[in-house]
């Protein structure tokens, strides 16, 4: 009986220690996911009137840092240097079927997206080396597509780094990438 009591006490202690784990709080740059068509994952089930395709065209997974009163461009994000398009893990795009971006073919697959921003133009890069933290192991030799997008200015600052799509009826969409007072618009046809 003494052994059973001792065993139960030991088991209770181990269980208590095991479940008293401290979990970290919310990430300062939470992960987000966007689809083309916009809201695909939600609307495929809850808005059947949209007549969505069986699978999305694109999906982008990215982290959303906040401005928090800081200087974004040529501050946190340096001009003329590679940038992961967000925070934490490098932004990834899943292409469900071949698309044309700025008239250039991007084949079905998964890619990491980077940018080289300047005041007037961002070079947007699609790279086939996925599962990267930041841009620290970026290798230009793995680039599959580069396009240039002219910087447009927002009417009001965008506090959280944002990527979203605007789709149209005719197989042409725009990908918006925006933060603070700057944005780029990337035409995509499918």
N, C-alpha and C. Protein backbone atom coordinates (compact mmCIF):
# COMPACT_ATOMS: atom_id res chain seq x y z
N UNK A 1 0.82 -1.19 0.00
CA UNK A 1 0.00 0.00 0.00
C UNK A 1 0.86 1.25 0.00
N UNK A 2 1.95 1.19 0.76
CA UNK A 2 2.87 2.32 0.84
C UNK A 2 3.50 2.59 -0.52
N UNK A 3 3.82 1.50 -1.27
CA UNK A 3 4.41 1.65 -2.60
C UNK A 3 3.41 2.28 -3.57
N UNK A 4 2.15 1.88 -3.45
CA UNK A 4 1.13 2.43 -4.33
C UNK A 4 0.94 3.92 -4.03
N UNK A 5 0.89 4.30 -2.78
CA UNK A 5 0.74 5.70 -2.39
C UNK A 5 1.94 6.50 -2.88
N UNK A 6 3.14 5.96 -2.71
CA UNK A 6 4.36 6.64 -3.16
C UNK A 6 4.34 6.78 -4.69
N UNK A 7 3.91 5.74 -5.39
CA UNK A 7 3.83 5.79 -6.85
C UNK A 7 2.82 6.85 -7.29
N UNK A 8 1.65 6.88 -6.65
CA UNK A 8 0.62 7.88 -6.99
C UNK A 8 1.13 9.30 -6.73
N UNK A 9 1.83 9.49 -5.63
CA UNK A 9 2.37 10.81 -5.31
C UNK A 9 3.40 11.22 -6.36
N UNK A 10 4.28 10.30 -6.73
CA UNK A 10 5.30 10.57 -7.75
C UNK A 10 4.63 10.88 -9.09
N UNK A 11 3.64 10.07 -9.49
CA UNK A 11 2.94 10.27 -10.74
C UNK A 11 2.24 11.63 -10.76
N UNK A 12 1.61 12.00 -9.64
CA UNK A 12 0.94 13.30 -9.54
C UNK A 12 1.94 14.43 -9.69
N UNK A 13 3.10 14.31 -9.08
CA UNK A 13 4.15 15.34 -9.18
C UNK A 13 4.63 15.48 -10.61
N UNK A 14 4.92 14.35 -11.26
CA UNK A 14 5.40 14.38 -12.65
C UNK A 14 4.33 14.99 -13.55
N UNK A 15 3.09 14.61 -13.35
CA UNK A 15 2.00 15.16 -14.16
C UNK A 15 1.87 16.66 -13.93
N UNK A 16 1.95 17.10 -12.69
CA UNK A 16 1.85 18.52 -12.38
C UNK A 16 2.98 19.30 -13.03
N UNK A 17 4.20 18.80 -12.91
CA UNK A 17 5.36 19.47 -13.52
C UNK A 17 5.22 19.49 -15.03
N UNK A 18 4.76 18.37 -15.60
CA UNK A 18 4.61 18.28 -17.05
C UNK A 18 3.57 19.24 -17.59
N UNK A 19 2.49 19.48 -16.86
CA UNK A 19 1.42 20.33 -17.35
C UNK A 19 1.51 21.76 -16.84
N UNK A 20 2.55 22.07 -16.11
CA UNK A 20 2.69 23.45 -15.65
C UNK A 20 3.59 24.24 -16.59
N UNK A 21 3.66 23.78 -17.82
CA UNK A 21 4.46 24.43 -18.86
C UNK A 21 3.98 25.86 -19.07
N UNK A 22 4.91 26.78 -19.19
CA UNK A 22 4.57 28.16 -19.53
C UNK A 22 4.60 28.29 -21.04
N UNK A 23 3.50 28.72 -21.63
CA UNK A 23 3.43 28.91 -23.07
C UNK A 23 3.68 30.37 -23.38
N UNK A 24 4.41 30.60 -24.47
CA UNK A 24 4.68 31.99 -24.84
C UNK A 24 3.38 32.63 -25.33
N UNK A 25 3.32 33.94 -25.24
CA UNK A 25 2.14 34.69 -25.64
C UNK A 25 2.05 34.84 -27.15
N UNK A 26 1.18 35.71 -27.58
CA UNK A 26 1.01 35.96 -29.00
C UNK A 26 2.28 36.54 -29.60
N UNK A 27 2.57 36.14 -30.82
CA UNK A 27 3.69 36.67 -31.56
C UNK A 27 3.42 38.14 -31.86
N UNK A 28 4.45 38.95 -31.83
CA UNK A 28 4.29 40.38 -32.15
C UNK A 28 3.98 40.59 -33.62
N UNK A 29 4.32 39.61 -34.46
CA UNK A 29 4.02 39.67 -35.89
C UNK A 29 3.25 38.41 -36.27
N UNK A 30 1.94 38.40 -36.04
CA UNK A 30 1.17 37.17 -36.24
C UNK A 30 1.16 36.72 -37.70
N UNK A 31 1.04 35.41 -37.86
CA UNK A 31 0.97 34.81 -39.19
C UNK A 31 -0.41 35.02 -39.77
N UNK A 32 -0.48 35.29 -41.06
CA UNK A 32 -1.75 35.45 -41.74
C UNK A 32 -1.69 34.68 -43.05
N UNK A 33 -2.86 34.43 -43.63
CA UNK A 33 -2.98 33.70 -44.89
C UNK A 33 -4.03 34.39 -45.73
N UNK A 34 -3.70 34.63 -47.00
CA UNK A 34 -4.65 35.22 -47.94
C UNK A 34 -4.73 34.35 -49.18
N UNK A 35 -5.87 34.42 -49.83
CA UNK A 35 -6.14 33.60 -51.02
C UNK A 35 -6.53 34.48 -52.20
N UNK A 36 -6.28 33.93 -53.38
CA UNK A 36 -6.89 34.38 -54.61
C UNK A 36 -7.67 33.19 -55.13
N UNK A 37 -8.98 33.29 -55.27
CA UNK A 37 -9.87 34.41 -55.02
C UNK A 37 -9.87 34.81 -53.55
N UNK A 38 -10.09 36.14 -53.35
CA UNK A 38 -10.10 36.69 -52.00
C UNK A 38 -11.14 35.96 -51.15
N UNK A 39 -10.78 35.65 -49.93
CA UNK A 39 -11.66 34.98 -48.96
C UNK A 39 -12.04 33.57 -49.38
N UNK A 40 -11.23 32.92 -50.22
CA UNK A 40 -11.57 31.60 -50.77
C UNK A 40 -11.96 30.60 -49.68
N UNK A 41 -11.12 30.44 -48.66
CA UNK A 41 -11.36 29.41 -47.64
C UNK A 41 -12.70 29.62 -46.93
N UNK A 42 -13.06 30.86 -46.68
CA UNK A 42 -14.33 31.16 -46.02
C UNK A 42 -15.50 31.00 -46.99
N UNK A 43 -15.37 31.59 -48.15
CA UNK A 43 -16.51 31.68 -49.06
C UNK A 43 -16.83 30.38 -49.77
N UNK A 44 -15.87 29.45 -49.89
CA UNK A 44 -16.15 28.18 -50.55
C UNK A 44 -17.28 27.46 -49.81
N UNK A 45 -17.35 27.66 -48.49
CA UNK A 45 -18.38 27.01 -47.68
C UNK A 45 -19.57 27.93 -47.41
N UNK A 46 -19.29 29.19 -47.12
CA UNK A 46 -20.35 30.07 -46.63
C UNK A 46 -20.91 31.03 -47.67
N UNK A 47 -20.35 31.06 -48.86
CA UNK A 47 -20.89 31.95 -49.90
C UNK A 47 -20.91 31.21 -51.24
N UNK A 48 -21.72 30.16 -51.33
CA UNK A 48 -21.72 29.36 -52.57
C UNK A 48 -22.16 30.15 -53.80
N UNK A 49 -22.85 31.28 -53.59
CA UNK A 49 -23.29 32.10 -54.72
C UNK A 49 -22.12 32.72 -55.48
N UNK A 50 -20.91 32.70 -54.90
CA UNK A 50 -19.75 33.27 -55.59
C UNK A 50 -19.24 32.39 -56.71
N UNK A 51 -19.71 31.13 -56.78
CA UNK A 51 -19.27 30.19 -57.83
C UNK A 51 -17.75 30.11 -57.93
N UNK A 52 -17.12 29.80 -56.81
CA UNK A 52 -15.67 29.73 -56.74
C UNK A 52 -15.15 28.45 -57.39
N UNK A 53 -13.90 28.47 -57.86
CA UNK A 53 -13.31 27.24 -58.39
C UNK A 53 -13.12 26.21 -57.27
N UNK A 54 -12.83 24.97 -57.64
CA UNK A 54 -12.63 23.91 -56.65
C UNK A 54 -11.40 24.12 -55.78
N UNK A 55 -10.41 24.80 -56.31
CA UNK A 55 -9.22 25.11 -55.53
C UNK A 55 -8.86 26.57 -55.79
N UNK A 56 -8.12 27.17 -54.86
CA UNK A 56 -7.72 28.56 -55.10
C UNK A 56 -6.70 28.65 -56.22
N UNK A 57 -6.44 29.86 -56.67
CA UNK A 57 -5.40 30.12 -57.66
C UNK A 57 -4.06 30.27 -56.93
N UNK A 58 -4.06 31.08 -55.85
CA UNK A 58 -2.86 31.35 -55.06
C UNK A 58 -3.22 31.37 -53.58
N UNK A 59 -2.20 31.09 -52.76
CA UNK A 59 -2.32 31.27 -51.31
C UNK A 59 -1.00 31.84 -50.83
N UNK A 60 -1.06 32.87 -49.98
CA UNK A 60 0.15 33.49 -49.44
C UNK A 60 0.11 33.40 -47.92
N UNK A 61 1.19 32.90 -47.33
CA UNK A 61 1.36 32.85 -45.87
C UNK A 61 2.48 33.82 -45.51
N UNK A 62 2.16 34.74 -44.58
CA UNK A 62 3.14 35.78 -44.24
C UNK A 62 2.91 36.28 -42.82
N UNK A 63 3.94 36.85 -42.23
CA UNK A 63 3.82 37.45 -40.90
C UNK A 63 3.57 38.95 -41.05
N UNK A 64 2.84 39.51 -40.06
CA UNK A 64 2.37 40.89 -40.17
C UNK A 64 2.96 41.78 -39.08
N UNK A 65 4.17 42.30 -39.28
CA UNK A 65 4.71 43.24 -38.29
C UNK A 65 3.90 44.53 -38.29
N UNK A 66 3.97 45.25 -37.18
CA UNK A 66 3.28 46.53 -37.05
C UNK A 66 4.28 47.69 -37.10
N UNK A 67 3.79 48.81 -37.55
CA UNK A 67 4.61 50.02 -37.64
C UNK A 67 4.98 50.52 -36.24
N UNK A 68 4.03 50.61 -35.33
CA UNK A 68 4.27 51.04 -33.94
C UNK A 68 5.10 52.31 -33.83
N UNK A 69 4.81 53.30 -34.66
CA UNK A 69 5.50 54.58 -34.58
C UNK A 69 6.91 54.59 -35.15
N UNK A 70 7.34 53.48 -35.70
CA UNK A 70 8.71 53.40 -36.24
C UNK A 70 8.75 53.83 -37.70
N UNK A 71 9.94 54.17 -38.15
CA UNK A 71 10.17 54.45 -39.57
C UNK A 71 10.28 53.11 -40.27
N UNK A 72 9.40 52.87 -41.25
CA UNK A 72 9.38 51.57 -41.92
C UNK A 72 10.41 51.52 -43.03
N UNK A 73 10.18 52.27 -44.12
CA UNK A 73 11.05 52.17 -45.29
C UNK A 73 12.25 53.09 -45.16
N UNK A 74 13.38 52.48 -45.40
CA UNK A 74 14.71 53.05 -45.17
C UNK A 74 14.95 53.28 -43.68
N UNK A 75 14.21 52.54 -42.87
CA UNK A 75 14.38 52.47 -41.42
C UNK A 75 14.49 51.00 -41.07
N UNK A 76 13.37 50.39 -40.64
CA UNK A 76 13.37 48.94 -40.36
C UNK A 76 13.66 48.13 -41.62
N UNK A 77 13.06 48.54 -42.73
CA UNK A 77 13.27 47.88 -44.02
C UNK A 77 14.22 48.76 -44.81
N UNK A 78 15.41 48.27 -45.03
CA UNK A 78 16.45 49.07 -45.71
C UNK A 78 16.22 49.07 -47.22
N UNK A 79 16.39 50.25 -47.82
CA UNK A 79 16.34 50.34 -49.28
C UNK A 79 17.54 49.60 -49.88
N UNK A 80 17.30 49.03 -51.05
CA UNK A 80 18.32 48.33 -51.85
C UNK A 80 18.88 47.09 -51.17
N UNK A 81 18.15 46.54 -50.19
CA UNK A 81 18.56 45.29 -49.54
C UNK A 81 17.42 44.30 -49.60
N UNK A 82 17.77 43.01 -49.61
CA UNK A 82 16.76 41.96 -49.66
C UNK A 82 15.90 42.02 -48.40
N UNK A 83 14.59 41.81 -48.57
CA UNK A 83 13.62 41.85 -47.46
C UNK A 83 12.68 40.66 -47.60
N UNK A 84 12.32 40.05 -46.50
CA UNK A 84 11.49 38.84 -46.50
C UNK A 84 10.01 39.11 -46.72
N UNK A 85 9.61 40.34 -46.93
CA UNK A 85 8.20 40.73 -47.10
C UNK A 85 7.39 40.37 -45.87
N UNK A 86 7.70 40.97 -44.76
CA UNK A 86 7.00 40.73 -43.51
C UNK A 86 8.00 40.56 -42.40
N UNK A 87 7.75 39.59 -41.54
CA UNK A 87 8.63 39.31 -40.40
C UNK A 87 8.72 37.80 -40.22
N UNK A 88 9.61 37.39 -39.34
CA UNK A 88 9.77 35.98 -38.98
C UNK A 88 10.12 35.13 -40.20
N UNK A 89 9.34 34.06 -40.45
CA UNK A 89 9.62 33.23 -41.62
C UNK A 89 9.45 34.06 -42.89
N UNK A 90 10.18 33.68 -43.92
CA UNK A 90 10.01 34.36 -45.20
C UNK A 90 8.61 34.06 -45.73
N UNK A 91 8.03 35.03 -46.41
CA UNK A 91 6.70 34.89 -47.00
C UNK A 91 6.72 33.78 -48.04
N UNK A 92 5.70 32.91 -48.00
CA UNK A 92 5.59 31.84 -48.98
C UNK A 92 4.30 31.97 -49.77
N UNK A 93 4.40 31.65 -51.05
CA UNK A 93 3.24 31.68 -51.94
C UNK A 93 3.09 30.30 -52.56
N UNK A 94 1.87 29.76 -52.48
CA UNK A 94 1.56 28.49 -53.13
C UNK A 94 0.75 28.83 -54.38
N UNK A 95 1.25 28.37 -55.53
CA UNK A 95 0.61 28.60 -56.81
C UNK A 95 -0.06 27.29 -57.19
N UNK A 96 -1.40 27.27 -57.23
CA UNK A 96 -2.16 26.05 -57.47
C UNK A 96 -2.24 25.69 -58.95
N UNK A 97 -2.06 26.68 -59.82
CA UNK A 97 -2.00 26.44 -61.26
C UNK A 97 -1.14 27.53 -61.87
N UNK A 98 -0.57 27.27 -63.02
CA UNK A 98 0.32 28.25 -63.66
C UNK A 98 -0.39 29.60 -63.78
N UNK A 99 0.36 30.67 -63.48
CA UNK A 99 -0.16 32.03 -63.61
C UNK A 99 0.88 32.89 -64.34
N UNK A 100 0.43 34.05 -64.79
CA UNK A 100 1.34 35.03 -65.36
C UNK A 100 1.37 36.24 -64.43
N UNK A 101 2.57 36.64 -64.07
CA UNK A 101 2.76 37.81 -63.22
C UNK A 101 3.56 38.82 -64.03
N UNK A 102 2.93 39.97 -64.29
CA UNK A 102 3.53 40.99 -65.16
C UNK A 102 3.89 40.36 -66.51
N UNK A 103 3.07 39.43 -66.98
CA UNK A 103 3.29 38.80 -68.27
C UNK A 103 4.34 37.70 -68.26
N UNK A 104 4.89 37.35 -67.09
CA UNK A 104 5.90 36.30 -66.99
C UNK A 104 5.31 35.09 -66.30
N UNK A 105 5.61 33.90 -66.83
CA UNK A 105 5.04 32.66 -66.32
C UNK A 105 5.63 32.28 -64.96
N UNK A 106 4.74 31.98 -64.01
CA UNK A 106 5.12 31.39 -62.73
C UNK A 106 4.36 30.08 -62.64
N UNK A 107 5.12 28.98 -62.66
CA UNK A 107 4.52 27.65 -62.70
C UNK A 107 3.94 27.23 -61.36
N UNK A 108 3.02 26.30 -61.41
CA UNK A 108 2.43 25.70 -60.22
C UNK A 108 3.55 25.24 -59.29
N UNK A 109 3.42 25.56 -57.98
CA UNK A 109 4.45 25.17 -57.02
C UNK A 109 4.41 26.06 -55.79
N UNK A 110 5.39 25.90 -54.92
CA UNK A 110 5.50 26.71 -53.72
C UNK A 110 6.81 27.49 -53.80
N UNK A 111 6.73 28.79 -53.51
CA UNK A 111 7.88 29.67 -53.62
C UNK A 111 7.97 30.57 -52.39
N UNK A 112 9.17 31.03 -52.13
CA UNK A 112 9.39 32.06 -51.14
C UNK A 112 9.39 33.39 -51.88
N UNK A 113 8.75 34.40 -51.28
CA UNK A 113 8.72 35.73 -51.89
C UNK A 113 9.62 36.67 -51.10
N UNK A 114 10.41 37.44 -51.81
CA UNK A 114 11.25 38.47 -51.23
C UNK A 114 11.03 39.76 -52.01
N UNK A 115 11.57 40.84 -51.49
CA UNK A 115 11.54 42.12 -52.21
C UNK A 115 12.85 42.84 -51.97
N UNK A 116 13.21 43.65 -52.95
CA UNK A 116 14.28 44.63 -52.78
C UNK A 116 13.62 45.98 -53.01
N UNK A 117 13.26 46.67 -51.93
CA UNK A 117 12.54 47.94 -52.08
C UNK A 117 13.48 49.12 -52.31
N UNK A 118 13.00 50.08 -53.07
CA UNK A 118 13.61 51.41 -53.19
C UNK A 118 12.47 52.40 -53.02
N UNK A 119 12.77 53.67 -53.07
CA UNK A 119 11.73 54.68 -52.93
C UNK A 119 10.71 54.61 -54.06
N UNK A 120 11.13 54.21 -55.26
CA UNK A 120 10.26 54.27 -56.42
C UNK A 120 9.81 52.92 -56.96
N UNK A 121 10.63 51.88 -56.79
CA UNK A 121 10.34 50.57 -57.37
C UNK A 121 10.75 49.48 -56.40
N UNK A 122 9.92 48.44 -56.30
CA UNK A 122 10.30 47.23 -55.56
C UNK A 122 10.54 46.12 -56.56
N UNK A 123 11.64 45.42 -56.41
CA UNK A 123 11.87 44.20 -57.16
C UNK A 123 11.26 43.07 -56.33
N UNK A 124 10.27 42.40 -56.88
CA UNK A 124 9.61 41.28 -56.21
C UNK A 124 10.22 40.00 -56.76
N UNK A 125 10.63 39.13 -55.84
CA UNK A 125 11.38 37.92 -56.20
C UNK A 125 10.60 36.68 -55.77
N UNK A 126 10.51 35.72 -56.67
CA UNK A 126 9.94 34.41 -56.37
C UNK A 126 11.10 33.41 -56.43
N UNK A 127 11.31 32.71 -55.34
CA UNK A 127 12.50 31.87 -55.15
C UNK A 127 12.04 30.48 -54.74
N UNK A 128 12.68 29.43 -55.27
CA UNK A 128 12.19 28.08 -54.98
C UNK A 128 12.82 27.43 -53.74
N UNK A 129 13.54 28.17 -52.94
CA UNK A 129 14.09 27.66 -51.68
C UNK A 129 13.12 28.04 -50.56
N UNK A 130 12.27 27.10 -50.14
CA UNK A 130 11.20 27.39 -49.18
C UNK A 130 11.61 27.02 -47.76
N UNK A 131 10.72 27.31 -46.81
CA UNK A 131 10.93 27.03 -45.39
C UNK A 131 12.16 27.77 -44.86
N UNK A 132 12.20 29.07 -45.10
CA UNK A 132 13.33 29.89 -44.68
C UNK A 132 12.92 30.83 -43.55
N UNK A 133 13.82 31.04 -42.62
CA UNK A 133 13.61 32.05 -41.59
C UNK A 133 14.22 33.35 -42.10
N UNK A 134 13.38 34.35 -42.26
CA UNK A 134 13.88 35.64 -42.74
C UNK A 134 14.46 35.54 -44.13
N UNK A 135 15.50 36.30 -44.36
CA UNK A 135 16.16 36.33 -45.67
C UNK A 135 17.64 35.96 -45.53
N UNK A 136 18.00 35.41 -44.38
CA UNK A 136 19.42 35.23 -44.05
C UNK A 136 20.11 34.18 -44.91
N UNK A 137 19.38 33.21 -45.44
CA UNK A 137 20.01 32.21 -46.30
C UNK A 137 19.53 32.37 -47.75
N UNK A 138 19.01 33.55 -48.08
CA UNK A 138 18.56 33.81 -49.44
C UNK A 138 19.70 33.57 -50.43
N UNK A 139 19.38 32.86 -51.52
CA UNK A 139 20.35 32.56 -52.56
C UNK A 139 19.74 32.94 -53.91
N UNK A 140 20.31 33.95 -54.53
CA UNK A 140 19.82 34.44 -55.81
C UNK A 140 19.79 33.35 -56.88
N UNK A 141 20.63 32.35 -56.75
CA UNK A 141 20.66 31.25 -57.73
C UNK A 141 19.36 30.45 -57.74
N UNK A 142 18.54 30.58 -56.69
CA UNK A 142 17.26 29.86 -56.63
C UNK A 142 16.08 30.70 -57.09
N UNK A 143 16.34 31.90 -57.60
CA UNK A 143 15.25 32.74 -58.11
C UNK A 143 14.65 32.11 -59.36
N UNK A 144 13.32 32.11 -59.43
CA UNK A 144 12.65 31.61 -60.63
C UNK A 144 11.97 32.75 -61.40
N UNK A 145 11.71 33.87 -60.71
CA UNK A 145 11.08 35.00 -61.37
C UNK A 145 11.35 36.27 -60.58
N UNK A 146 11.61 37.36 -61.32
CA UNK A 146 11.74 38.69 -60.72
C UNK A 146 10.89 39.64 -61.55
N UNK A 147 10.16 40.50 -60.85
CA UNK A 147 9.39 41.54 -61.53
C UNK A 147 9.61 42.85 -60.80
N UNK A 148 9.30 43.95 -61.46
CA UNK A 148 9.39 45.25 -60.82
C UNK A 148 8.00 45.83 -60.64
N UNK A 149 7.76 46.38 -59.46
CA UNK A 149 6.46 47.01 -59.15
C UNK A 149 6.72 48.42 -58.67
N UNK A 150 6.05 49.38 -59.29
CA UNK A 150 6.23 50.78 -58.92
C UNK A 150 5.50 51.08 -57.62
N UNK A 151 6.14 51.88 -56.78
CA UNK A 151 5.59 52.24 -55.47
C UNK A 151 4.50 53.29 -55.65
N UNK A 152 3.36 53.01 -55.01
CA UNK A 152 2.25 53.95 -54.95
C UNK A 152 2.11 54.39 -53.50
N UNK A 153 1.49 55.53 -53.29
CA UNK A 153 1.37 56.05 -51.93
C UNK A 153 -0.07 55.96 -51.45
N UNK A 154 -0.24 55.51 -50.22
CA UNK A 154 -1.56 55.36 -49.61
C UNK A 154 -2.07 56.72 -49.11
N UNK A 155 -3.39 56.84 -48.99
CA UNK A 155 -4.00 58.05 -48.43
C UNK A 155 -3.81 58.12 -46.93
N UNK A 156 -3.69 56.97 -46.29
CA UNK A 156 -3.50 56.90 -44.83
C UNK A 156 -2.51 55.77 -44.56
N UNK A 157 -1.77 55.84 -43.47
CA UNK A 157 -0.79 54.79 -43.19
C UNK A 157 -1.45 53.44 -42.92
N UNK A 158 -0.81 52.38 -43.37
CA UNK A 158 -1.23 51.01 -43.08
C UNK A 158 -0.38 50.56 -41.90
N UNK A 159 -0.99 50.38 -40.76
CA UNK A 159 -0.26 50.06 -39.51
C UNK A 159 0.37 48.67 -39.56
N UNK A 160 -0.36 47.66 -40.02
CA UNK A 160 0.16 46.29 -40.09
C UNK A 160 0.52 45.96 -41.53
N UNK A 161 1.69 45.41 -41.72
CA UNK A 161 2.09 44.95 -43.06
C UNK A 161 0.97 44.06 -43.60
N UNK A 162 0.58 44.28 -44.86
CA UNK A 162 -0.59 43.61 -45.41
C UNK A 162 -0.36 43.15 -46.84
N UNK A 163 -0.84 41.94 -47.11
CA UNK A 163 -0.93 41.43 -48.49
C UNK A 163 -2.38 41.03 -48.69
N UNK A 164 -2.96 41.44 -49.80
CA UNK A 164 -4.32 40.99 -50.12
C UNK A 164 -4.52 41.02 -51.62
N UNK A 165 -5.59 40.35 -52.06
CA UNK A 165 -5.91 40.25 -53.48
C UNK A 165 -7.21 40.95 -53.79
N UNK A 166 -7.27 41.48 -54.99
CA UNK A 166 -8.52 41.96 -55.56
C UNK A 166 -8.70 41.19 -56.85
N UNK A 167 -9.72 40.34 -56.89
CA UNK A 167 -9.92 39.54 -58.08
C UNK A 167 -11.02 40.12 -58.95
N UNK A 168 -10.99 39.73 -60.22
CA UNK A 168 -12.00 40.21 -61.15
C UNK A 168 -12.62 39.01 -61.84
N UNK A 169 -13.59 39.27 -62.64
CA UNK A 169 -14.34 38.21 -63.33
C UNK A 169 -13.56 37.63 -64.53
N UNK A 170 -12.62 38.35 -65.05
CA UNK A 170 -12.00 37.96 -66.32
C UNK A 170 -10.62 37.30 -66.18
N UNK A 171 -10.30 36.71 -65.04
CA UNK A 171 -9.04 36.00 -64.89
C UNK A 171 -7.84 36.90 -64.66
N UNK A 172 -8.09 38.14 -64.26
CA UNK A 172 -7.00 39.07 -63.94
C UNK A 172 -7.23 39.54 -62.50
N UNK A 173 -6.17 39.58 -61.72
CA UNK A 173 -6.27 40.00 -60.32
C UNK A 173 -5.11 40.93 -60.01
N UNK A 174 -5.24 41.61 -58.88
CA UNK A 174 -4.15 42.43 -58.36
C UNK A 174 -3.77 41.92 -56.99
N UNK A 175 -2.47 41.78 -56.76
CA UNK A 175 -1.95 41.51 -55.42
C UNK A 175 -1.45 42.84 -54.89
N UNK A 176 -1.99 43.23 -53.73
CA UNK A 176 -1.55 44.44 -53.05
C UNK A 176 -0.59 44.07 -51.93
N UNK A 177 0.52 44.75 -51.86
CA UNK A 177 1.46 44.61 -50.75
C UNK A 177 1.63 46.02 -50.19
N UNK A 178 1.25 46.21 -48.92
CA UNK A 178 1.23 47.57 -48.37
C UNK A 178 1.73 47.61 -46.93
N UNK A 179 2.39 48.72 -46.62
CA UNK A 179 2.80 49.00 -45.24
C UNK A 179 3.12 50.47 -45.14
N UNK A 180 2.70 51.07 -44.07
CA UNK A 180 2.89 52.49 -43.82
C UNK A 180 2.25 53.27 -44.97
N UNK A 181 2.97 54.15 -45.62
CA UNK A 181 2.39 54.97 -46.67
C UNK A 181 2.65 54.41 -48.08
N UNK A 182 3.28 53.25 -48.18
CA UNK A 182 3.65 52.70 -49.48
C UNK A 182 2.90 51.41 -49.78
N UNK A 183 2.67 51.19 -51.08
CA UNK A 183 2.11 49.92 -51.55
C UNK A 183 2.59 49.67 -52.96
N UNK A 184 2.56 48.41 -53.33
CA UNK A 184 2.78 48.02 -54.72
C UNK A 184 1.58 47.17 -55.14
N UNK A 185 1.30 47.20 -56.42
CA UNK A 185 0.21 46.41 -57.01
C UNK A 185 0.79 45.54 -58.10
N UNK A 186 0.54 44.24 -57.98
CA UNK A 186 1.13 43.28 -58.92
C UNK A 186 0.01 42.61 -59.71
N UNK A 187 -0.06 42.81 -61.03
CA UNK A 187 -1.10 42.17 -61.82
C UNK A 187 -0.79 40.68 -62.03
N UNK A 188 -1.83 39.87 -61.86
CA UNK A 188 -1.70 38.41 -62.01
C UNK A 188 -2.83 37.96 -62.92
N UNK A 189 -2.49 37.18 -63.94
CA UNK A 189 -3.53 36.61 -64.81
C UNK A 189 -3.47 35.10 -64.71
N UNK A 190 -4.63 34.48 -64.79
CA UNK A 190 -4.73 33.02 -64.62
C UNK A 190 -5.79 32.44 -65.54
